[in-house]
Amino acid sequence: MPGLPNLSTADAKVSECERILAYTFTNKHLILEALQMQGSMVSTGAPVLFDGQILNVPLNKKLASHGDIVFDFIVNSLWLTHPNPASVNFDYLKQRLLTRNALNKRGVSLGLDRCIMVNPGTGFVSKDMMAETFEAVIGAVNLDGGVGAAQGVVEHLGFLEAPLL
């Protein structure tokens, strides 16, 4: 849109994220918020151009906090229902799957880093930004479609492949 040169366009980022997740959001505002890293630490977010509309999208911090809990719940639930949960240490499982390092590596390998909306002057997506956004995305899926949808996405993304469980 003329006069708004730094306005982030989000349509392609949302579509790519949904493709990676194999999940289509009913409430697109949730995925926009999950992908929103632009703005300052004291800011509430930034204007984003989506579907021809300018929206003020909050930063993803609240969704990331929610997603962190959802990730723990899903991994714990699947661990508990494993035929022999005592054979795998849950703390080890969390360390392998849910640390900032692990979420960053998985997010980058999936291409989720290309979906994150960052400040125009930011040259890269940091490890912490990727991990926080990953948590926010899972939180957004949970709020949009419930824990079953979130678990489906976690499984689709390969978090619970055989060698770990």
N, C-alpha and C. Protein backbone atom coordinates (compact mmCIF):
# COMPACT_ATOMS: atom_id res chain seq x y z
N MET A 1 0.85 -1.18 0.00
CA MET A 1 0.00 0.00 0.00
C MET A 1 0.89 1.24 0.00
N PRO A 2 0.58 2.24 -0.84
CA PRO A 2 1.39 3.45 -0.89
C PRO A 2 1.40 4.17 0.45
N GLY A 3 2.56 4.74 0.78
CA GLY A 3 2.67 5.51 2.01
C GLY A 3 3.01 4.68 3.23
N LEU A 4 3.07 3.37 3.08
CA LEU A 4 3.40 2.48 4.20
C LEU A 4 4.52 1.53 3.78
N PRO A 5 5.72 2.06 3.50
CA PRO A 5 6.79 1.24 2.95
C PRO A 5 7.29 0.14 3.87
N ASN A 6 7.20 0.29 5.18
CA ASN A 6 7.71 -0.72 6.09
C ASN A 6 6.64 -1.67 6.60
N LEU A 7 5.45 -1.55 6.08
CA LEU A 7 4.36 -2.40 6.53
C LEU A 7 4.61 -3.85 6.11
N SER A 8 4.59 -4.74 7.06
CA SER A 8 4.83 -6.15 6.78
C SER A 8 3.60 -6.77 6.11
N THR A 9 3.83 -7.53 5.05
CA THR A 9 2.73 -8.25 4.42
C THR A 9 2.78 -9.69 4.91
N ALA A 10 1.67 -10.18 5.35
CA ALA A 10 1.67 -11.44 6.07
C ALA A 10 0.98 -12.59 5.33
N ASP A 11 0.30 -12.33 4.24
CA ASP A 11 -0.45 -13.39 3.57
C ASP A 11 0.42 -14.61 3.22
N ALA A 12 1.57 -14.35 2.60
CA ALA A 12 2.44 -15.45 2.19
C ALA A 12 3.01 -16.18 3.40
N LYS A 13 3.34 -15.44 4.45
CA LYS A 13 3.90 -16.06 5.65
C LYS A 13 2.88 -16.98 6.33
N VAL A 14 1.64 -16.53 6.41
CA VAL A 14 0.58 -17.35 7.01
C VAL A 14 0.34 -18.60 6.17
N SER A 15 0.27 -18.44 4.85
CA SER A 15 0.05 -19.60 3.97
C SER A 15 1.17 -20.62 4.09
N GLU A 16 2.41 -20.14 4.12
CA GLU A 16 3.55 -21.04 4.25
C GLU A 16 3.55 -21.76 5.60
N CYS A 17 3.23 -21.03 6.65
CA CYS A 17 3.16 -21.65 7.97
C CYS A 17 2.07 -22.72 8.01
N GLU A 18 0.91 -22.43 7.49
CA GLU A 18 -0.17 -23.42 7.46
C GLU A 18 0.23 -24.65 6.65
N ARG A 19 0.96 -24.44 5.56
CA ARG A 19 1.42 -25.57 4.74
C ARG A 19 2.39 -26.44 5.55
N ILE A 20 3.33 -25.81 6.23
CA ILE A 20 4.31 -26.55 7.04
C ILE A 20 3.61 -27.35 8.14
N LEU A 21 2.65 -26.71 8.79
CA LEU A 21 1.94 -27.35 9.90
C LEU A 21 0.93 -28.40 9.45
N ALA A 22 0.52 -28.32 8.17
CA ALA A 22 -0.59 -29.13 7.66
C ALA A 22 -1.84 -28.85 8.50
N TYR A 23 -2.03 -27.58 8.79
CA TYR A 23 -3.17 -27.13 9.59
C TYR A 23 -3.62 -25.77 9.06
N THR A 24 -4.93 -25.63 8.81
CA THR A 24 -5.50 -24.37 8.36
C THR A 24 -6.27 -23.74 9.51
N PHE A 25 -5.89 -22.52 9.83
CA PHE A 25 -6.51 -21.81 10.94
C PHE A 25 -7.88 -21.29 10.57
N THR A 26 -8.83 -21.49 11.45
CA THR A 26 -10.15 -20.88 11.32
C THR A 26 -10.05 -19.40 11.68
N ASN A 27 -9.33 -19.11 12.76
CA ASN A 27 -9.11 -17.73 13.22
C ASN A 27 -7.70 -17.30 12.81
N LYS A 28 -7.58 -16.64 11.68
CA LYS A 28 -6.27 -16.23 11.15
C LYS A 28 -5.56 -15.24 12.08
N HIS A 29 -6.30 -14.54 12.92
CA HIS A 29 -5.67 -13.60 13.85
C HIS A 29 -4.74 -14.33 14.81
N LEU A 30 -5.07 -15.57 15.15
CA LEU A 30 -4.21 -16.33 16.05
C LEU A 30 -2.85 -16.64 15.42
N ILE A 31 -2.84 -17.06 14.16
CA ILE A 31 -1.56 -17.37 13.54
C ILE A 31 -0.78 -16.09 13.25
N LEU A 32 -1.47 -15.00 12.93
CA LEU A 32 -0.78 -13.72 12.76
C LEU A 32 -0.06 -13.33 14.05
N GLU A 33 -0.74 -13.45 15.16
CA GLU A 33 -0.12 -13.12 16.45
C GLU A 33 1.04 -14.07 16.75
N ALA A 34 0.87 -15.35 16.46
CA ALA A 34 1.93 -16.32 16.74
C ALA A 34 3.20 -16.01 15.96
N LEU A 35 3.06 -15.46 14.77
CA LEU A 35 4.21 -15.17 13.91
C LEU A 35 4.77 -13.77 14.13
N GLN A 36 4.15 -12.99 15.00
CA GLN A 36 4.51 -11.57 15.17
C GLN A 36 5.66 -11.38 16.16
N MET A 37 6.83 -11.07 15.62
CA MET A 37 7.99 -10.74 16.45
C MET A 37 8.41 -9.29 16.26
N GLN A 38 7.80 -8.59 15.31
CA GLN A 38 8.21 -7.20 15.09
C GLN A 38 7.58 -6.28 16.11
N GLY A 39 8.28 -5.19 16.36
CA GLY A 39 7.89 -4.27 17.41
C GLY A 39 9.00 -4.27 18.45
N SER A 40 8.98 -3.32 19.32
CA SER A 40 10.01 -3.29 20.36
C SER A 40 9.54 -4.12 21.55
N MET A 41 10.43 -4.33 22.49
CA MET A 41 10.08 -5.12 23.67
C MET A 41 8.98 -4.43 24.49
N VAL A 42 8.85 -3.11 24.38
CA VAL A 42 7.80 -2.42 25.12
C VAL A 42 6.56 -2.21 24.25
N SER A 43 6.66 -2.55 22.99
CA SER A 43 5.56 -2.35 22.06
C SER A 43 4.51 -3.45 22.21
N THR A 44 3.34 -3.14 21.78
CA THR A 44 2.28 -4.15 21.78
C THR A 44 2.20 -4.87 20.45
N GLY A 45 3.05 -4.50 19.52
CA GLY A 45 3.05 -5.14 18.21
C GLY A 45 3.27 -4.12 17.12
N ALA A 46 2.80 -4.44 15.93
CA ALA A 46 3.02 -3.57 14.78
C ALA A 46 1.90 -3.78 13.77
N PRO A 47 1.71 -2.77 12.90
CA PRO A 47 0.71 -2.94 11.85
C PRO A 47 1.17 -3.97 10.83
N VAL A 48 0.24 -4.78 10.38
CA VAL A 48 0.52 -5.84 9.42
C VAL A 48 -0.56 -5.78 8.34
N LEU A 49 -0.14 -5.94 7.09
CA LEU A 49 -1.08 -6.01 5.98
C LEU A 49 -1.43 -7.47 5.77
N PHE A 50 -2.71 -7.82 5.96
CA PHE A 50 -3.16 -9.20 5.78
C PHE A 50 -4.52 -9.19 5.12
N ASP A 51 -4.65 -9.93 4.06
CA ASP A 51 -5.92 -10.06 3.35
C ASP A 51 -6.50 -8.69 3.00
N GLY A 52 -5.61 -7.77 2.59
CA GLY A 52 -6.03 -6.44 2.16
C GLY A 52 -6.39 -5.49 3.27
N GLN A 53 -6.18 -5.90 4.52
CA GLN A 53 -6.52 -5.05 5.66
C GLN A 53 -5.26 -4.77 6.48
N ILE A 54 -5.22 -3.58 7.06
CA ILE A 54 -4.14 -3.25 7.98
C ILE A 54 -4.62 -3.59 9.39
N LEU A 55 -3.89 -4.49 10.04
CA LEU A 55 -4.25 -4.94 11.37
C LEU A 55 -3.10 -4.65 12.34
N ASN A 56 -3.41 -4.23 13.55
CA ASN A 56 -2.39 -4.10 14.57
C ASN A 56 -2.32 -5.45 15.29
N VAL A 57 -1.22 -6.14 15.10
CA VAL A 57 -1.09 -7.50 15.61
C VAL A 57 -0.16 -7.50 16.83
N PRO A 58 -0.64 -8.02 17.96
CA PRO A 58 0.20 -8.06 19.17
C PRO A 58 1.40 -8.97 19.00
N LEU A 59 2.42 -8.74 19.81
CA LEU A 59 3.57 -9.63 19.84
C LEU A 59 3.14 -11.01 20.35
N ASN A 60 3.91 -12.02 20.03
CA ASN A 60 3.50 -13.40 20.31
C ASN A 60 3.81 -13.91 21.72
N LYS A 61 4.20 -13.05 22.62
CA LYS A 61 4.65 -13.49 23.95
C LYS A 61 3.60 -14.30 24.72
N LYS A 62 2.35 -13.84 24.73
CA LYS A 62 1.30 -14.56 25.46
C LYS A 62 1.04 -15.94 24.84
N LEU A 63 0.99 -15.98 23.51
CA LEU A 63 0.78 -17.27 22.85
C LEU A 63 1.96 -18.21 23.08
N ALA A 64 3.17 -17.65 23.14
CA ALA A 64 4.36 -18.48 23.39
C ALA A 64 4.28 -19.11 24.78
N SER A 65 3.84 -18.35 25.75
CA SER A 65 3.70 -18.88 27.11
C SER A 65 2.67 -20.01 27.13
N HIS A 66 1.57 -19.80 26.44
CA HIS A 66 0.53 -20.83 26.35
C HIS A 66 1.07 -22.06 25.62
N GLY A 67 1.75 -21.83 24.51
CA GLY A 67 2.29 -22.94 23.72
C GLY A 67 3.31 -23.77 24.47
N ASP A 68 4.10 -23.13 25.32
CA ASP A 68 5.07 -23.84 26.14
C ASP A 68 4.36 -24.89 27.01
N ILE A 69 3.26 -24.48 27.60
CA ILE A 69 2.48 -25.38 28.46
C ILE A 69 1.83 -26.48 27.62
N VAL A 70 1.31 -26.11 26.45
CA VAL A 70 0.66 -27.10 25.57
C VAL A 70 1.68 -28.14 25.11
N PHE A 71 2.86 -27.68 24.69
CA PHE A 71 3.92 -28.61 24.28
C PHE A 71 4.22 -29.60 25.41
N ASP A 72 4.42 -29.09 26.62
CA ASP A 72 4.70 -29.96 27.78
C ASP A 72 3.57 -30.97 27.98
N PHE A 73 2.34 -30.49 27.92
CA PHE A 73 1.18 -31.36 28.13
C PHE A 73 1.14 -32.48 27.09
N ILE A 74 1.33 -32.13 25.82
CA ILE A 74 1.25 -33.12 24.74
C ILE A 74 2.36 -34.16 24.88
N VAL A 75 3.58 -33.70 25.07
CA VAL A 75 4.69 -34.64 25.19
C VAL A 75 4.52 -35.51 26.43
N ASN A 76 4.08 -34.92 27.54
CA ASN A 76 3.87 -35.68 28.76
C ASN A 76 2.76 -36.71 28.57
N SER A 77 1.67 -36.32 27.94
CA SER A 77 0.55 -37.24 27.72
C SER A 77 0.96 -38.42 26.85
N LEU A 78 1.72 -38.15 25.80
CA LEU A 78 2.16 -39.23 24.93
C LEU A 78 3.18 -40.12 25.64
N TRP A 79 4.00 -39.53 26.46
CA TRP A 79 4.96 -40.32 27.26
C TRP A 79 4.21 -41.24 28.23
N LEU A 80 3.18 -40.68 28.89
CA LEU A 80 2.43 -41.47 29.86
C LEU A 80 1.67 -42.63 29.22
N THR A 81 1.24 -42.45 27.98
CA THR A 81 0.48 -43.51 27.30
C THR A 81 1.38 -44.46 26.53
N HIS A 82 2.69 -44.22 26.57
CA HIS A 82 3.65 -45.13 25.94
C HIS A 82 3.55 -46.48 26.64
N PRO A 83 3.69 -47.59 25.89
CA PRO A 83 3.57 -48.91 26.52
C PRO A 83 4.50 -49.11 27.72
N ASN A 84 5.65 -48.47 27.72
CA ASN A 84 6.57 -48.62 28.84
C ASN A 84 7.21 -47.25 29.14
N PRO A 85 6.44 -46.33 29.76
CA PRO A 85 6.97 -44.98 29.99
C PRO A 85 8.21 -44.96 30.87
N ALA A 86 8.40 -45.97 31.70
CA ALA A 86 9.58 -46.00 32.56
C ALA A 86 10.86 -46.21 31.76
N SER A 87 10.72 -46.69 30.50
CA SER A 87 11.91 -46.93 29.68
C SER A 87 12.51 -45.63 29.14
N VAL A 88 11.77 -44.54 29.22
CA VAL A 88 12.26 -43.25 28.73
C VAL A 88 12.09 -42.23 29.86
N ASN A 89 13.13 -41.53 30.19
CA ASN A 89 13.09 -40.51 31.21
C ASN A 89 12.41 -39.26 30.64
N PHE A 90 11.35 -38.78 31.29
CA PHE A 90 10.61 -37.62 30.76
C PHE A 90 11.48 -36.37 30.69
N ASP A 91 12.33 -36.15 31.68
CA ASP A 91 13.20 -34.98 31.63
C ASP A 91 14.14 -35.03 30.44
N TYR A 92 14.64 -36.21 30.14
CA TYR A 92 15.49 -36.40 28.96
C TYR A 92 14.70 -36.09 27.70
N LEU A 93 13.47 -36.57 27.65
CA LEU A 93 12.61 -36.34 26.49
C LEU A 93 12.36 -34.85 26.28
N LYS A 94 12.06 -34.14 27.37
CA LYS A 94 11.87 -32.68 27.28
C LYS A 94 13.14 -31.99 26.80
N GLN A 95 14.27 -32.43 27.31
CA GLN A 95 15.56 -31.84 26.92
C GLN A 95 15.82 -32.03 25.43
N ARG A 96 15.46 -33.20 24.91
CA ARG A 96 15.68 -33.49 23.49
C ARG A 96 14.69 -32.75 22.58
N LEU A 97 13.48 -32.47 23.09
CA LEU A 97 12.43 -31.95 22.22
C LEU A 97 12.08 -30.48 22.44
N LEU A 98 12.13 -30.00 23.67
CA LEU A 98 11.46 -28.74 23.97
C LEU A 98 12.36 -27.61 24.47
N THR A 99 13.66 -27.78 24.44
CA THR A 99 14.54 -26.67 24.83
C THR A 99 14.58 -25.63 23.72
N ARG A 100 15.08 -24.45 24.03
CA ARG A 100 15.22 -23.40 23.01
C ARG A 100 16.05 -23.91 21.83
N ASN A 101 17.14 -24.62 22.14
CA ASN A 101 17.99 -25.15 21.08
C ASN A 101 17.23 -26.13 20.19
N ALA A 102 16.52 -27.06 20.83
CA ALA A 102 15.79 -28.08 20.07
C ALA A 102 14.68 -27.45 19.22
N LEU A 103 13.94 -26.51 19.80
CA LEU A 103 12.86 -25.86 19.04
C LEU A 103 13.42 -25.02 17.91
N ASN A 104 14.55 -24.36 18.14
CA ASN A 104 15.18 -23.58 17.08
C ASN A 104 15.60 -24.48 15.92
N LYS A 105 16.30 -25.56 16.23
CA LYS A 105 16.77 -26.47 15.17
C LYS A 105 15.61 -27.04 14.37
N ARG A 106 14.57 -27.49 15.09
CA ARG A 106 13.42 -28.08 14.40
C ARG A 106 12.71 -27.02 13.56
N GLY A 107 12.52 -25.81 14.12
CA GLY A 107 11.84 -24.75 13.38
C GLY A 107 12.57 -24.34 12.12
N VAL A 108 13.88 -24.19 12.21
CA VAL A 108 14.68 -23.82 11.04
C VAL A 108 14.65 -24.94 10.01
N SER A 109 14.78 -26.18 10.46
CA SER A 109 14.77 -27.31 9.50
C SER A 109 13.43 -27.42 8.77
N LEU A 110 12.36 -27.00 9.42
CA LEU A 110 11.03 -27.03 8.79
C LEU A 110 10.77 -25.80 7.92
N GLY A 111 11.57 -24.75 8.10
CA GLY A 111 11.37 -23.51 7.36
C GLY A 111 10.46 -22.51 8.05
N LEU A 112 10.12 -22.76 9.32
CA LEU A 112 9.26 -21.83 10.04
C LEU A 112 9.91 -20.46 10.24
N ASP A 113 11.22 -20.42 10.24
CA ASP A 113 11.92 -19.14 10.41
C ASP A 113 11.56 -18.15 9.31
N ARG A 114 11.24 -18.65 8.13
CA ARG A 114 10.86 -17.77 7.01
C ARG A 114 9.46 -17.19 7.17
N CYS A 115 8.69 -17.71 8.11
CA CYS A 115 7.32 -17.26 8.34
C CYS A 115 7.24 -16.16 9.40
N ILE A 116 8.28 -15.97 10.16
CA ILE A 116 8.26 -15.03 11.27
C ILE A 116 8.29 -13.60 10.76
N MET A 117 7.43 -12.76 11.32
CA MET A 117 7.41 -11.33 10.98
C MET A 117 8.32 -10.59 11.95
N VAL A 118 9.45 -10.10 11.43
CA VAL A 118 10.43 -9.40 12.25
C VAL A 118 10.53 -7.94 11.79
N ASN A 119 11.15 -7.12 12.63
CA ASN A 119 11.39 -5.73 12.26
C ASN A 119 12.15 -5.68 10.93
N PRO A 120 11.81 -4.72 10.07
CA PRO A 120 12.49 -4.62 8.77
C PRO A 120 14.02 -4.53 8.89
N GLY A 121 14.55 -3.94 9.94
CA GLY A 121 15.99 -3.80 10.11
C GLY A 121 16.67 -5.03 10.69
N THR A 122 15.89 -6.01 11.11
CA THR A 122 16.46 -7.22 11.70
C THR A 122 16.94 -8.13 10.58
N GLY A 123 18.21 -8.49 10.62
CA GLY A 123 18.78 -9.27 9.53
C GLY A 123 18.58 -10.77 9.63
N PHE A 124 18.20 -11.26 10.80
CA PHE A 124 18.08 -12.70 10.97
C PHE A 124 17.09 -13.02 12.09
N VAL A 125 16.69 -14.26 12.13
CA VAL A 125 15.83 -14.75 13.21
C VAL A 125 16.74 -15.46 14.21
N SER A 126 16.79 -14.95 15.43
CA SER A 126 17.65 -15.55 16.45
C SER A 126 17.07 -16.89 16.93
N LYS A 127 17.91 -17.63 17.63
CA LYS A 127 17.48 -18.92 18.22
C LYS A 127 16.29 -18.71 19.14
N ASP A 128 16.35 -17.68 19.98
CA ASP A 128 15.26 -17.42 20.91
C ASP A 128 13.98 -17.00 20.18
N MET A 129 14.12 -16.21 19.12
CA MET A 129 12.95 -15.80 18.34
C MET A 129 12.28 -17.01 17.70
N MET A 130 13.09 -17.92 17.16
CA MET A 130 12.53 -19.12 16.51
C MET A 130 11.83 -19.99 17.54
N ALA A 131 12.48 -20.23 18.68
CA ALA A 131 11.89 -21.09 19.71
C ALA A 131 10.59 -20.49 20.25
N GLU A 132 10.61 -19.20 20.52
CA GLU A 132 9.41 -18.54 21.05
C GLU A 132 8.27 -18.58 20.03
N THR A 133 8.59 -18.36 18.77
CA THR A 133 7.56 -18.41 17.74
C THR A 133 7.00 -19.82 17.60
N PHE A 134 7.86 -20.82 17.69
CA PHE A 134 7.40 -22.20 17.60
C PHE A 134 6.39 -22.48 18.72
N GLU A 135 6.72 -22.07 19.93
CA GLU A 135 5.79 -22.25 21.04
C GLU A 135 4.49 -21.49 20.79
N ALA A 136 4.59 -20.28 20.28
CA ALA A 136 3.40 -19.47 19.99
C ALA A 136 2.51 -20.13 18.94
N VAL A 137 3.13 -20.72 17.93
CA VAL A 137 2.36 -21.39 16.87
C VAL A 137 1.58 -22.57 17.46
N ILE A 138 2.22 -23.36 18.32
CA ILE A 138 1.50 -24.50 18.94
C ILE A 138 0.39 -23.98 19.85
N GLY A 139 0.65 -22.90 20.57
CA GLY A 139 -0.40 -22.28 21.39
C GLY A 139 -1.56 -21.81 20.54
N ALA A 140 -1.26 -21.22 19.39
CA ALA A 140 -2.31 -20.74 18.48
C ALA A 140 -3.14 -21.90 17.94
N VAL A 141 -2.48 -22.98 17.56
CA VAL A 141 -3.21 -24.16 17.06
C VAL A 141 -4.14 -24.68 18.16
N ASN A 142 -3.64 -24.75 19.39
CA ASN A 142 -4.45 -25.23 20.50
C ASN A 142 -5.69 -24.35 20.71
N LEU A 143 -5.51 -23.03 20.68
CA LEU A 143 -6.66 -22.13 20.87
C LEU A 143 -7.62 -22.19 19.69
N ASP A 144 -7.10 -22.43 18.50
CA ASP A 144 -7.95 -22.47 17.30
C ASP A 144 -8.70 -23.79 17.17
N GLY A 145 -8.02 -24.90 17.42
CA GLY A 145 -8.63 -26.20 17.14
C GLY A 145 -8.66 -27.18 18.29
N GLY A 146 -8.12 -26.79 19.44
CA GLY A 146 -8.12 -27.67 20.60
C GLY A 146 -6.85 -28.49 20.72
N VAL A 147 -6.76 -29.20 21.82
CA VAL A 147 -5.56 -29.96 22.11
C VAL A 147 -5.35 -31.09 21.09
N GLY A 148 -6.42 -31.64 20.56
CA GLY A 148 -6.29 -32.69 19.54
C GLY A 148 -5.62 -32.17 18.28
N ALA A 149 -5.99 -30.95 17.89
CA ALA A 149 -5.36 -30.32 16.72
C ALA A 149 -3.90 -30.04 17.00
N ALA A 150 -3.61 -29.54 18.19
CA ALA A 150 -2.21 -29.25 18.56
C ALA A 150 -1.39 -30.54 18.57
N GLN A 151 -1.94 -31.60 19.12
CA GLN A 151 -1.23 -32.88 19.14
C GLN A 151 -1.00 -33.39 17.72
N GLY A 152 -1.99 -33.22 16.86
CA GLY A 152 -1.84 -33.64 15.46
C GLY A 152 -0.71 -32.89 14.77
N VAL A 153 -0.59 -31.60 15.04
CA VAL A 153 0.50 -30.81 14.46
C VAL A 153 1.84 -31.25 15.02
N VAL A 154 1.91 -31.44 16.33
CA VAL A 154 3.16 -31.89 16.96
C VAL A 154 3.61 -33.23 16.35
N GLU A 155 2.67 -34.14 16.18
CA GLU A 155 3.00 -35.43 15.58
C GLU A 155 3.40 -35.26 14.12
N HIS A 156 2.65 -34.45 13.36
CA HIS A 156 2.96 -34.21 11.95
C HIS A 156 4.38 -33.65 11.78
N LEU A 157 4.80 -32.81 12.70
CA LEU A 157 6.11 -32.19 12.61
C LEU A 157 7.24 -33.11 13.08
N GLY A 158 6.91 -34.33 13.45
CA GLY A 158 7.91 -35.33 13.76
C GLY A 158 8.51 -35.28 15.15
N PHE A 159 7.82 -34.64 16.06
CA PHE A 159 8.38 -34.52 17.42
C PHE A 159 8.42 -35.86 18.15
N LEU A 160 7.58 -36.77 17.77
CA LEU A 160 7.44 -37.98 18.57
C LEU A 160 7.80 -39.22 17.78
N GLU A 161 8.86 -39.11 17.02
CA GLU A 161 9.27 -40.23 16.20
C GLU A 161 9.86 -41.34 17.04
N ALA A 162 9.81 -42.54 16.53
CA ALA A 162 10.14 -43.77 17.26
C ALA A 162 11.40 -43.75 18.12
N PRO A 163 12.55 -43.24 17.68
CA PRO A 163 13.75 -43.38 18.51
C PRO A 163 13.62 -42.72 19.89
N LEU A 164 12.76 -41.74 20.03
CA LEU A 164 12.65 -41.06 21.32
C LEU A 164 11.66 -41.74 22.25
N LEU A 165 10.60 -42.28 21.70
CA LEU A 165 9.60 -42.92 22.56
C LEU A 165 9.66 -44.40 22.44
